[in-house]
């Protein structure tokens, strides 16, 4: 019995060995024949040279990695030269408004392979000390990028600072300007909430929103309160229009960017003359956070910082009504100037 089992095992091993040798000989012959064959239609020739605009998002992750290393200062001058990297002045700036969604807009636009963002707010044009350092100082604050890409920075204080329009005009009179707005009363309360959180973190007390937004002497809206002034969008925009035509501005709906970001981003792509590259694949709703997060590829996702989407304090409804009534005529004028209407009360 044992002898039969051993014989059967030897027979199986012989068959398997023969199959293995046969397969190996076939592969050797096949490789030899492939080496002699010339492709009828090479891949490159079949599709033609690929332009920078045709590069898909996932194909640029290697380049994004390089740019990240260079931003950290881990690159030599030779590496920068070899990769043809430059620090370019921005061709578009998100100039405001504060608490309108400027950070979300910047991060979402960074999904586009032709866009490179300045990670920090530079505050060049609104800060006299920084502005005195000159345009080359500003340029060196920009991230490394490839020549075909456009650099975008955001500093929401630009929108409300008087000197900024003229200063930006002197740098580039044809620059494209992005303004992201939210319903004015909601934006003012969000502004207050951010300041309140900072005070509480330092164990400092702070007035209630109602006391700041309403003048106690007149019981009318307190236009000296910065959060209120910032929400009078048309007043600030009129100052910008002394230097730039309305065609150089694009208004982004910050409320819609939260609930339905893709259509807003597609409008910005068109305004910036960018080929459409951002898709629904790049945006997914995070139910835990209650916001859309960003998907660069199958392994790299990003959500905005936890400080975004703070819970607003309850505000007296009569104060909200008074503020909305106050903002209404300014909103109507804003619609008229920009040609974009919002469903604000």
Foldseek 3Di string as FASTA:
>chain_A
DVVVVVVVVVVVVVVVVVVVVVVVVVVVVVVVVVVVDDDPADPCNVVDDDDPQNQALVNCVVVVVVLVCVVVVNDDPVRCVVVQKAQDDALEEAQDAPQLCPVVLQVLLCLDPQEDEQPDAPCQQQDPVNVVVDDVSVSVSGTIDHPSHGYYYYDNVLLVRLRRLVVVCVVPLLGAYEYGHEQLLVSLLVVVVVVCVVCVVVVHDDDDPLPQQAPPVVRAGDCVRPSLVSSLNLVSVVSNCVRHPLLSYDYAHSVCCFVPNPVRSVVVCVSVVRDDRDDVVQWDADPVLSGIWGDSDPPDTGDDDPVPPDDGDDDPVVSVVSSLVVSVVSLVVVCVRNVDHDPHD
